PDB file of N, CA and C in Angstrom:
ATOM      1  N   MET A   1       0.847  -1.152   0.000  1.00  0.00           N
ATOM      2  CA  MET A   1       0.000   0.000   0.000  1.00  0.00           C
ATOM      3  C   MET A   1       0.897   1.221   0.000  1.00  0.00           C
ATOM      4  N   SER A   2       0.599   2.184  -0.791  1.00  0.00           N
ATOM      5  CA  SER A   2       1.540   3.287  -0.951  1.00  0.00           C
ATOM      6  C   SER A   2       1.198   4.483  -0.089  1.00  0.00           C
ATOM      7  N   GLY A   3       1.237   4.283   1.206  1.00  0.00           N
ATOM      8  CA  GLY A   3       1.184   5.412   2.106  1.00  0.00           C
ATOM      9  C   GLY A   3      -0.178   6.011   2.394  1.00  0.00           C
ATOM     10  N   ILE A   4      -1.269   5.287   2.221  1.00  0.00           N
ATOM     11  CA  ILE A   4      -2.562   5.836   2.607  1.00  0.00           C
ATOM     12  C   ILE A   4      -2.668   5.725   4.111  1.00  0.00           C
ATOM     13  N   GLU A   5      -2.736   6.847   4.759  1.00  0.00           N
ATOM     14  CA  GLU A   5      -2.878   6.883   6.213  1.00  0.00           C
ATOM     15  C   GLU A   5      -4.260   7.420   6.539  1.00  0.00           C
ATOM     16  N   HIS A   6      -4.693   7.190   7.767  1.00  0.00           N
ATOM     17  CA  HIS A   6      -5.985   7.705   8.203  1.00  0.00           C
ATOM     18  C   HIS A   6      -5.767   9.119   8.712  1.00  0.00           C
ATOM     19  N   SER A   7      -6.027  10.096   7.854  1.00  0.00           N
ATOM     20  CA  SER A   7      -5.791  11.486   8.208  1.00  0.00           C
ATOM     21  C   SER A   7      -6.608  12.384   7.287  1.00  0.00           C
ATOM     22  N   ASP A   8      -6.508  13.682   7.526  1.00  0.00           N
ATOM     23  CA  ASP A   8      -7.206  14.621   6.656  1.00  0.00           C
ATOM     24  C   ASP A   8      -6.701  14.521   5.221  1.00  0.00           C
ATOM     25  N   SER A   9      -5.401  14.269   5.037  1.00  0.00           N
ATOM     26  CA  SER A   9      -4.874  14.177   3.677  1.00  0.00           C
ATOM     27  C   SER A   9      -5.407  12.939   2.973  1.00  0.00           C
ATOM     28  N   SER A  10      -5.581  11.832   3.714  1.00  0.00           N
ATOM     29  CA  SER A  10      -6.152  10.656   3.070  1.00  0.00           C
ATOM     30  C   SER A  10      -7.626  10.889   2.768  1.00  0.00           C
ATOM     31  N   ASN A  11      -8.309  11.670   3.613  1.00  0.00           N
ATOM     32  CA  ASN A  11      -9.696  12.006   3.310  1.00  0.00           C
ATOM     33  C   ASN A  11      -9.787  12.714   1.969  1.00  0.00           C
ATOM     34  N   ALA A  12      -8.839  13.578   1.684  1.00  0.00           N
ATOM     35  CA  ALA A  12      -8.830  14.280   0.402  1.00  0.00           C
ATOM     36  C   ALA A  12      -8.648  13.304  -0.754  1.00  0.00           C
ATOM     37  N   VAL A  13      -7.836  12.271  -0.554  1.00  0.00           N
ATOM     38  CA  VAL A  13      -7.620  11.253  -1.586  1.00  0.00           C
ATOM     39  C   VAL A  13      -8.935  10.546  -1.895  1.00  0.00           C
ATOM     40  N   PHE A  14      -9.680  10.192  -0.844  1.00  0.00           N
ATOM     41  CA  PHE A  14     -10.955   9.503  -1.049  1.00  0.00           C
ATOM     42  C   PHE A  14     -12.011  10.444  -1.606  1.00  0.00           C
ATOM     43  N   ALA A  15     -11.988  11.703  -1.204  1.00  0.00           N
ATOM     44  CA  ALA A  15     -12.919  12.681  -1.771  1.00  0.00           C
ATOM     45  C   ALA A  15     -12.678  12.824  -3.268  1.00  0.00           C
ATOM     46  N   GLN A  16     -11.419  12.850  -3.673  1.00  0.00           N
ATOM     47  CA  GLN A  16     -11.095  12.952  -5.096  1.00  0.00           C
ATOM     48  C   GLN A  16     -11.536  11.687  -5.833  1.00  0.00           C
ATOM     49  N   ALA A  17     -11.302  10.535  -5.230  1.00  0.00           N
ATOM     50  CA  ALA A  17     -11.688   9.269  -5.859  1.00  0.00           C
ATOM     51  C   ALA A  17     -13.190   9.185  -6.077  1.00  0.00           C
ATOM     52  N   LEU A  18     -13.945   9.822  -5.193  1.00  0.00           N
ATOM     53  CA  LEU A  18     -15.402   9.704  -5.249  1.00  0.00           C
ATOM     54  C   LEU A  18     -16.087  10.974  -5.749  1.00  0.00           C
ATOM     55  N   THR A  19     -15.327  11.837  -6.404  1.00  0.00           N
ATOM     56  CA  THR A  19     -15.905  13.050  -6.980  1.00  0.00           C
ATOM     57  C   THR A  19     -17.072  12.677  -7.887  1.00  0.00           C
ATOM     58  N   GLY A  20     -18.206  13.331  -7.668  1.00  0.00           N
ATOM     59  CA  GLY A  20     -19.380  13.084  -8.490  1.00  0.00           C
ATOM     60  C   GLY A  20     -20.352  12.071  -7.918  1.00  0.00           C
ATOM     61  N   ILE A  21     -20.002  11.430  -6.811  1.00  0.00           N
ATOM     62  CA  ILE A  21     -20.897  10.425  -6.213  1.00  0.00           C
ATOM     63  C   ILE A  21     -22.144  11.116  -5.677  1.00  0.00           C
ATOM     64  N   LYS A  22     -23.265  10.462  -5.831  1.00  0.00           N
ATOM     65  CA  LYS A  22     -24.533  10.956  -5.290  1.00  0.00           C
ATOM     66  C   LYS A  22     -24.882  10.123  -4.056  1.00  0.00           C
ATOM     67  N   PHE A  23     -25.155  10.798  -2.952  1.00  0.00           N
ATOM     68  CA  PHE A  23     -25.515  10.122  -1.711  1.00  0.00           C
ATOM     69  C   PHE A  23     -27.019  10.182  -1.517  1.00  0.00           C
ATOM     70  N   PRO A  24     -27.608   9.171  -0.871  1.00  0.00           N
ATOM     71  CA  PRO A  24     -26.948   7.994  -0.328  1.00  0.00           C
ATOM     72  C   PRO A  24     -26.448   7.091  -1.451  1.00  0.00           C
ATOM     73  N   ALA A  25     -25.383   6.336  -1.134  1.00  0.00           N
ATOM     74  CA  ALA A  25     -24.753   5.462  -2.124  1.00  0.00           C
ATOM     75  C   ALA A  25     -24.435   4.111  -1.510  1.00  0.00           C
ATOM     76  N   THR A  26     -24.579   3.081  -2.302  1.00  0.00           N
ATOM     77  CA  THR A  26     -24.194   1.743  -1.869  1.00  0.00           C
ATOM     78  C   THR A  26     -22.693   1.569  -2.054  1.00  0.00           C
ATOM     79  N   HIS A  27     -22.185   0.517  -1.473  1.00  0.00           N
ATOM     80  CA  HIS A  27     -20.775   0.180  -1.657  1.00  0.00           C
ATOM     81  C   HIS A  27     -20.465   0.007  -3.148  1.00  0.00           C
ATOM     82  N   ALA A  28     -21.327  -0.691  -3.860  1.00  0.00           N
ATOM     83  CA  ALA A  28     -21.119  -0.909  -5.297  1.00  0.00           C
ATOM     84  C   ALA A  28     -21.057   0.411  -6.062  1.00  0.00           C
ATOM     85  N   GLN A  29     -21.870   1.369  -5.669  1.00  0.00           N
ATOM     86  CA  GLN A  29     -21.847   2.680  -6.321  1.00  0.00           C
ATOM     87  C   GLN A  29     -20.549   3.424  -6.023  1.00  0.00           C
ATOM     88  N   LEU A  30     -20.015   3.274  -4.802  1.00  0.00           N
ATOM     89  CA  LEU A  30     -18.722   3.886  -4.485  1.00  0.00           C
ATOM     90  C   LEU A  30     -17.634   3.314  -5.383  1.00  0.00           C
ATOM     91  N   VAL A  31     -17.622   2.001  -5.505  1.00  0.00           N
ATOM     92  CA  VAL A  31     -16.607   1.336  -6.335  1.00  0.00           C
ATOM     93  C   VAL A  31     -16.731   1.794  -7.781  1.00  0.00           C
ATOM     94  N   GLU A  32     -17.944   1.844  -8.300  1.00  0.00           N
ATOM     95  CA  GLU A  32     -18.159   2.250  -9.693  1.00  0.00           C
ATOM     96  C   GLU A  32     -17.703   3.689  -9.932  1.00  0.00           C
ATOM     97  N   GLN A  33     -18.027   4.590  -8.992  1.00  0.00           N
ATOM     98  CA  GLN A  33     -17.607   5.988  -9.153  1.00  0.00           C
ATOM     99  C   GLN A  33     -16.086   6.111  -9.097  1.00  0.00           C
ATOM    100  N   ALA A  34     -15.471   5.378  -8.200  1.00  0.00           N
ATOM    101  CA  ALA A  34     -14.006   5.417  -8.111  1.00  0.00           C
ATOM    102  C   ALA A  34     -13.378   4.925  -9.414  1.00  0.00           C
ATOM    103  N   LYS A  35     -13.957   3.893 -10.019  1.00  0.00           N
ATOM    104  CA  LYS A  35     -13.457   3.408 -11.318  1.00  0.00           C
ATOM    105  C   LYS A  35     -13.596   4.480 -12.380  1.00  0.00           C
ATOM    106  N   LYS A  36     -14.749   5.147 -12.429  1.00  0.00           N
ATOM    107  CA  LYS A  36     -14.982   6.214 -13.413  1.00  0.00           C
ATOM    108  C   LYS A  36     -13.954   7.329 -13.265  1.00  0.00           C
ATOM    109  N   ASN A  37     -13.504   7.557 -12.032  1.00  0.00           N
ATOM    110  CA  ASN A  37     -12.550   8.632 -11.762  1.00  0.00           C
ATOM    111  C   ASN A  37     -11.093   8.182 -11.906  1.00  0.00           C
ATOM    112  N   ASN A  38     -10.888   6.981 -12.459  1.00  0.00           N
ATOM    113  CA  ASN A  38      -9.526   6.460 -12.653  1.00  0.00           C
ATOM    114  C   ASN A  38      -8.698   6.512 -11.373  1.00  0.00           C
ATOM    115  N   THR A  39      -9.290   6.043 -10.309  1.00  0.00           N
ATOM    116  CA  THR A  39      -8.660   6.052  -8.998  1.00  0.00           C
ATOM    117  C   THR A  39      -7.454   5.124  -8.977  1.00  0.00           C
ATOM    118  N   PRO A  40      -6.335   5.553  -8.369  1.00  0.00           N
ATOM    119  CA  PRO A  40      -5.151   4.687  -8.267  1.00  0.00           C
ATOM    120  C   PRO A  40      -5.487   3.363  -7.572  1.00  0.00           C
ATOM    121  N   GLU A  41      -4.761   2.334  -7.938  1.00  0.00           N
ATOM    122  CA  GLU A  41      -5.037   0.979  -7.459  1.00  0.00           C
ATOM    123  C   GLU A  41      -5.038   0.866  -5.933  1.00  0.00           C
ATOM    124  N   ASP A  42      -4.097   1.518  -5.259  1.00  0.00           N
ATOM    125  CA  ASP A  42      -4.046   1.383  -3.803  1.00  0.00           C
ATOM    126  C   ASP A  42      -5.299   1.953  -3.142  1.00  0.00           C
ATOM    127  N   VAL A  43      -5.804   3.057  -3.660  1.00  0.00           N
ATOM    128  CA  VAL A  43      -7.024   3.658  -3.125  1.00  0.00           C
ATOM    129  C   VAL A  43      -8.225   2.788  -3.493  1.00  0.00           C
ATOM    130  N   MET A  44      -8.245   2.275  -4.720  1.00  0.00           N
ATOM    131  CA  MET A  44      -9.321   1.392  -5.170  1.00  0.00           C
ATOM    132  C   MET A  44      -9.424   0.172  -4.268  1.00  0.00           C
ATOM    133  N   ASN A  45      -8.299  -0.403  -3.906  1.00  0.00           N
ATOM    134  CA  ASN A  45      -8.303  -1.589  -3.057  1.00  0.00           C
ATOM    135  C   ASN A  45      -8.914  -1.305  -1.693  1.00  0.00           C
ATOM    136  N   VAL A  46      -8.649  -0.143  -1.144  1.00  0.00           N
ATOM    137  CA  VAL A  46      -9.248   0.224   0.139  1.00  0.00           C
ATOM    138  C   VAL A  46     -10.761   0.363  -0.020  1.00  0.00           C
ATOM    139  N   ILE A  47     -11.190   1.054  -1.060  1.00  0.00           N
ATOM    140  CA  ILE A  47     -12.631   1.235  -1.282  1.00  0.00           C
ATOM    141  C   ILE A  47     -13.314  -0.119  -1.476  1.00  0.00           C
ATOM    142  N   LYS A  48     -12.707  -0.986  -2.252  1.00  0.00           N
ATOM    143  CA  LYS A  48     -13.294  -2.308  -2.499  1.00  0.00           C
ATOM    144  C   LYS A  48     -13.440  -3.114  -1.214  1.00  0.00           C
ATOM    145  N   HIS A  49     -12.547  -2.897  -0.251  1.00  0.00           N
ATOM    146  CA  HIS A  49     -12.555  -3.676   0.992  1.00  0.00           C
ATOM    147  C   HIS A  49     -13.288  -2.990   2.144  1.00  0.00           C
ATOM    148  N   MET A  50     -13.886  -1.837   1.878  1.00  0.00           N
ATOM    149  CA  MET A  50     -14.665  -1.170   2.922  1.00  0.00           C
ATOM    150  C   MET A  50     -15.913  -1.988   3.235  1.00  0.00           C
ATOM    151  N   PRO A  51     -16.459  -1.836   4.441  1.00  0.00           N
ATOM    152  CA  PRO A  51     -17.691  -2.551   4.781  1.00  0.00           C
ATOM    153  C   PRO A  51     -18.799  -2.244   3.772  1.00  0.00           C
ATOM    154  N   GLY A  52     -19.616  -3.247   3.514  1.00  0.00           N
ATOM    155  CA  GLY A  52     -20.752  -3.050   2.626  1.00  0.00           C
ATOM    156  C   GLY A  52     -20.637  -3.761   1.299  1.00  0.00           C
ATOM    157  N   ALA A  53     -19.554  -4.475   1.084  1.00  0.00           N
ATOM    158  CA  ALA A  53     -19.384  -5.191  -0.186  1.00  0.00           C
ATOM    159  C   ALA A  53     -20.494  -6.220  -0.378  1.00  0.00           C
ATOM    160  N   ASP A  54     -21.099  -6.643   0.718  1.00  0.00           N
ATOM    161  CA  ASP A  54     -22.195  -7.614   0.640  1.00  0.00           C
ATOM    162  C   ASP A  54     -23.546  -6.933   0.418  1.00  0.00           C
ATOM    163  N   GLY A  55     -23.530  -5.618   0.236  1.00  0.00           N
ATOM    164  CA  GLY A  55     -24.758  -4.874  -0.005  1.00  0.00           C
ATOM    165  C   GLY A  55     -25.462  -4.414   1.257  1.00  0.00           C
ATOM    166  N   SER A  56     -24.838  -4.634   2.411  1.00  0.00           N
ATOM    167  CA  SER A  56     -25.497  -4.324   3.680  1.00  0.00           C
ATOM    168  C   SER A  56     -25.382  -2.865   4.097  1.00  0.00           C
ATOM    169  N   ASP A  57     -24.412  -2.141   3.588  1.00  0.00           N
ATOM    170  CA  ASP A  57     -24.201  -0.767   4.037  1.00  0.00           C
ATOM    171  C   ASP A  57     -24.568   0.248   2.966  1.00  0.00           C
ATOM    172  N   THR A  58     -25.149   1.345   3.426  1.00  0.00           N
ATOM    173  CA  THR A  58     -25.392   2.501   2.579  1.00  0.00           C
ATOM    174  C   THR A  58     -24.622   3.655   3.196  1.00  0.00           C
ATOM    175  N   TYR A  59     -23.928   4.374   2.367  1.00  0.00           N
ATOM    176  CA  TYR A  59     -23.165   5.539   2.810  1.00  0.00           C
ATOM    177  C   TYR A  59     -24.007   6.779   2.537  1.00  0.00           C
ATOM    178  N   ASN A  60     -24.202   7.595   3.572  1.00  0.00           N
ATOM    179  CA  ASN A  60     -25.069   8.767   3.448  1.00  0.00           C
ATOM    180  C   ASN A  60     -24.336  10.038   3.056  1.00  0.00           C
ATOM    181  N   ASN A  61     -23.011  10.060   3.272  1.00  0.00           N
ATOM    182  CA  ASN A  61     -22.214  11.259   2.981  1.00  0.00           C
ATOM    183  C   ASN A  61     -20.732  10.893   3.062  1.00  0.00           C
ATOM    184  N   MET A  62     -19.883  11.855   2.743  1.00  0.00           N
ATOM    185  CA  MET A  62     -18.438  11.581   2.770  1.00  0.00           C
ATOM    186  C   MET A  62     -17.935  11.263   4.173  1.00  0.00           C
ATOM    187  N   PRO A  63     -18.431  11.881   5.249  1.00  0.00           N
ATOM    188  CA  PRO A  63     -17.977  11.452   6.574  1.00  0.00           C
ATOM    189  C   PRO A  63     -18.233   9.969   6.840  1.00  0.00           C
ATOM    190  N   ASP A  64     -19.341   9.423   6.322  1.00  0.00           N
ATOM    191  CA  ASP A  64     -19.573   7.976   6.431  1.00  0.00           C
ATOM    192  C   ASP A  64     -18.459   7.202   5.731  1.00  0.00           C
ATOM    193  N   VAL A  65     -18.054   7.688   4.569  1.00  0.00           N
ATOM    194  CA  VAL A  65     -16.962   7.038   3.832  1.00  0.00           C
ATOM    195  C   VAL A  65     -15.674   7.125   4.648  1.00  0.00           C
ATOM    196  N   TYR A  66     -15.350   8.314   5.132  1.00  0.00           N
ATOM    197  CA  TYR A  66     -14.108   8.506   5.886  1.00  0.00           C
ATOM    198  C   TYR A  66     -14.051   7.583   7.106  1.00  0.00           C
ATOM    199  N   LYS A  67     -15.193   7.388   7.782  1.00  0.00           N
ATOM    200  CA  LYS A  67     -15.229   6.527   8.961  1.00  0.00           C
ATOM    201  C   LYS A  67     -14.881   5.077   8.619  1.00  0.00           C
ATOM    202  N   ASN A  68     -15.081   4.693   7.385  1.00  0.00           N
ATOM    203  CA  ASN A  68     -14.881   3.299   6.995  1.00  0.00           C
ATOM    204  C   ASN A  68     -13.597   3.042   6.212  1.00  0.00           C
ATOM    205  N   THR A  69     -12.827   4.079   5.927  1.00  0.00           N
ATOM    206  CA  THR A  69     -11.592   3.857   5.164  1.00  0.00           C
ATOM    207  C   THR A  69     -10.565   3.057   5.957  1.00  0.00           C
ATOM    208  N   ARG A  70     -10.498   3.266   7.269  1.00  0.00           N
ATOM    209  CA  ARG A  70      -9.550   2.497   8.092  1.00  0.00           C
ATOM    210  C   ARG A  70      -9.900   1.011   8.031  1.00  0.00           C
ATOM    211  N   ALA A  71     -11.189   0.686   8.160  1.00  0.00           N
ATOM    212  CA  ALA A  71     -11.616  -0.717   8.081  1.00  0.00           C
ATOM    213  C   ALA A  71     -11.297  -1.294   6.705  1.00  0.00           C
ATOM    214  N   GLY A  72     -11.476  -0.499   5.662  1.00  0.00           N
ATOM    215  CA  GLY A  72     -11.155  -0.957   4.312  1.00  0.00           C
ATOM    216  C   GLY A  72      -9.674  -1.232   4.144  1.00  0.00           C
ATOM    217  N   LYS A  73      -8.856  -0.341   4.682  1.00  0.00           N
ATOM    218  CA  LYS A  73      -7.404  -0.530   4.595  1.00  0.00           C
ATOM    219  C   LYS A  73      -6.979  -1.779   5.355  1.00  0.00           C
ATOM    220  N   GLU A  74      -7.521  -1.957   6.556  1.00  0.00           N
ATOM    221  CA  GLU A  74      -7.159  -3.124   7.368  1.00  0.00           C
ATOM    222  C   GLU A  74      -7.619  -4.418   6.705  1.00  0.00           C
ATOM    223  N   ALA A  75      -8.826  -4.413   6.120  1.00  0.00           N
ATOM    224  CA  ALA A  75      -9.330  -5.610   5.440  1.00  0.00           C
ATOM    225  C   ALA A  75      -8.478  -5.930   4.210  1.00  0.00           C
ATOM    226  N   TYR A  76      -8.071  -4.892   3.481  1.00  0.00           N
ATOM    227  CA  TYR A  76      -7.222  -5.122   2.316  1.00  0.00           C
ATOM    228  C   TYR A  76      -5.873  -5.703   2.742  1.00  0.00           C
ATOM    229  N   GLN A  77      -5.272  -5.133   3.756  1.00  0.00           N
ATOM    230  CA  GLN A  77      -3.980  -5.628   4.224  1.00  0.00           C
ATOM    231  C   GLN A  77      -4.095  -7.070   4.713  1.00  0.00           C
ATOM    232  N   ALA A  78      -5.182  -7.380   5.407  1.00  0.00           N
ATOM    233  CA  ALA A  78      -5.387  -8.751   5.883  1.00  0.00           C
ATOM    234  C   ALA A  78      -5.562  -9.716   4.717  1.00  0.00           C
ATOM    235  N   SER A  79      -6.212  -9.260   3.659  1.00  0.00           N
ATOM    236  CA  SER A  79      -6.413 -10.130   2.498  1.00  0.00           C
ATOM    237  C   SER A  79      -5.105 -10.437   1.785  1.00  0.00           C
ATOM    238  N   MET A  80      -4.122  -9.595   1.962  1.00  0.00           N
ATOM    239  CA  MET A  80      -2.832  -9.785   1.301  1.00  0.00           C
ATOM    240  C   MET A  80      -1.909 -10.709   2.092  1.00  0.00           C
ATOM    241  N   LYS A  81      -2.122 -10.847   3.389  1.00  0.00           N
ATOM    242  CA  LYS A  81      -1.211 -11.627   4.226  1.00  0.00           C
ATOM    243  C   LYS A  81      -1.095 -13.088   3.816  1.00  0.00           C
ATOM    244  N   PRO A  82      -2.190 -13.796   3.542  1.00  0.00           N
ATOM    245  CA  PRO A  82      -2.022 -15.201   3.145  1.00  0.00           C
ATOM    246  C   PRO A  82      -1.193 -15.356   1.866  1.00  0.00           C
ATOM    247  N   LYS A  83      -1.383 -14.451   0.921  1.00  0.00           N
ATOM    248  CA  LYS A  83      -0.597 -14.496  -0.306  1.00  0.00           C
ATOM    249  C   LYS A  83       0.877 -14.264   0.007  1.00  0.00           C
ATOM    250  N   ASP A  84       1.142 -13.272   0.849  1.00  0.00           N
ATOM    251  CA  ASP A  84       2.522 -12.972   1.216  1.00  0.00           C
ATOM    252  C   ASP A  84       3.159 -14.143   1.942  1.00  0.00           C
ATOM    253  N   ALA A  85       2.414 -14.738   2.876  1.00  0.00           N
ATOM    254  CA  ALA A  85       2.944 -15.870   3.638  1.00  0.00           C
ATOM    255  C   ALA A  85       3.198 -17.051   2.705  1.00  0.00           C
ATOM    256  N   HIS A  86       2.278 -17.296   1.775  1.00  0.00           N
ATOM    257  CA  HIS A  86       2.447 -18.399   0.824  1.00  0.00           C
ATOM    258  C   HIS A  86       3.658 -18.146  -0.078  1.00  0.00           C
ATOM    259  N   ALA A  87       3.818 -16.915  -0.527  1.00  0.00           N
ATOM    260  CA  ALA A  87       4.953 -16.582  -1.387  1.00  0.00           C
ATOM    261  C   ALA A  87       6.271 -16.756  -0.642  1.00  0.00           C
ATOM    262  N   LYS A  88       6.303 -16.350   0.620  1.00  0.00           N
ATOM    263  CA  LYS A  88       7.519 -16.509   1.414  1.00  0.00           C
ATOM    264  C   LYS A  88       7.842 -17.986   1.617  1.00  0.00           C
ATOM    265  N   GLN A  89       6.806 -18.790   1.882  1.00  0.00           N
ATOM    266  CA  GLN A  89       7.012 -20.222   2.065  1.00  0.00           C
ATOM    267  C   GLN A  89       7.519 -20.858   0.773  1.00  0.00           C
ATOM    268  N   ALA A  90       6.932 -20.477  -0.356  1.00  0.00           N
ATOM    269  CA  ALA A  90       7.369 -21.032  -1.645  1.00  0.00           C
ATOM    270  C   ALA A  90       8.801 -20.629  -1.930  1.00  0.00           C
ATOM    271  N   GLN A  91       9.139 -19.395  -1.607  1.00  0.00           N
ATOM    272  CA  GLN A  91      10.505 -18.926  -1.818  1.00  0.00           C
ATOM    273  C   GLN A  91      11.464 -19.687  -0.917  1.00  0.00           C
ATOM    274  N   ALA A  92      11.085 -19.897   0.332  1.00  0.00           N
ATOM    275  CA  ALA A  92      11.943 -20.644   1.264  1.00  0.00           C
ATOM    276  C   ALA A  92      12.123 -22.079   0.790  1.00  0.00           C
ATOM    277  N   ASN A  93      11.070 -22.704   0.304  1.00  0.00           N
ATOM    278  CA  ASN A  93      11.163 -24.075  -0.191  1.00  0.00           C
ATOM    279  C   ASN A  93      12.058 -24.175  -1.426  1.00  0.00           C
ATOM    280  N   GLY A  94      12.053 -23.143  -2.243  1.00  0.00           N
ATOM    281  CA  GLY A  94      12.875 -23.127  -3.452  1.00  0.00           C
ATOM    282  C   GLY A  94      14.356 -22.976  -3.161  1.00  0.00           C
ATOM    283  N   LYS A  95      14.688 -22.419  -2.019  1.00  0.00           N
ATOM    284  CA  LYS A  95      16.081 -22.192  -1.666  1.00  0.00           C
ATOM    285  C   LYS A  95      16.737 -23.421  -1.036  1.00  0.00           C
ATOM    286  N   LYS A  96      15.920 -24.384  -0.614  1.00  0.00           N
ATOM    287  CA  LYS A  96      16.475 -25.579   0.050  1.00  0.00           C
ATOM    288  C   LYS A  96      17.145 -26.493  -0.937  1.00  0.00           C
TER     289      LYS A  96
END
């Protein structure tokens, strides 16, 4: 992940990614708007992993989005760990 932190500056990154979104919005609508805005991959991954991917959450405004970016970042990082662990194990096995 390229330096997305939970701060006012990261809020600006997500505001830019979601420029043009109409609230209330579903998770799917957030993802679609971010795609339309050519959002960088690291930011896209956080948005994709925010709560609501199952259709359960509706975001009413940008503060709702900001409240969930930390959870999205943590979920994305957690999703990467098994791949990283598997890659490290495969690399270790190849060196033996």
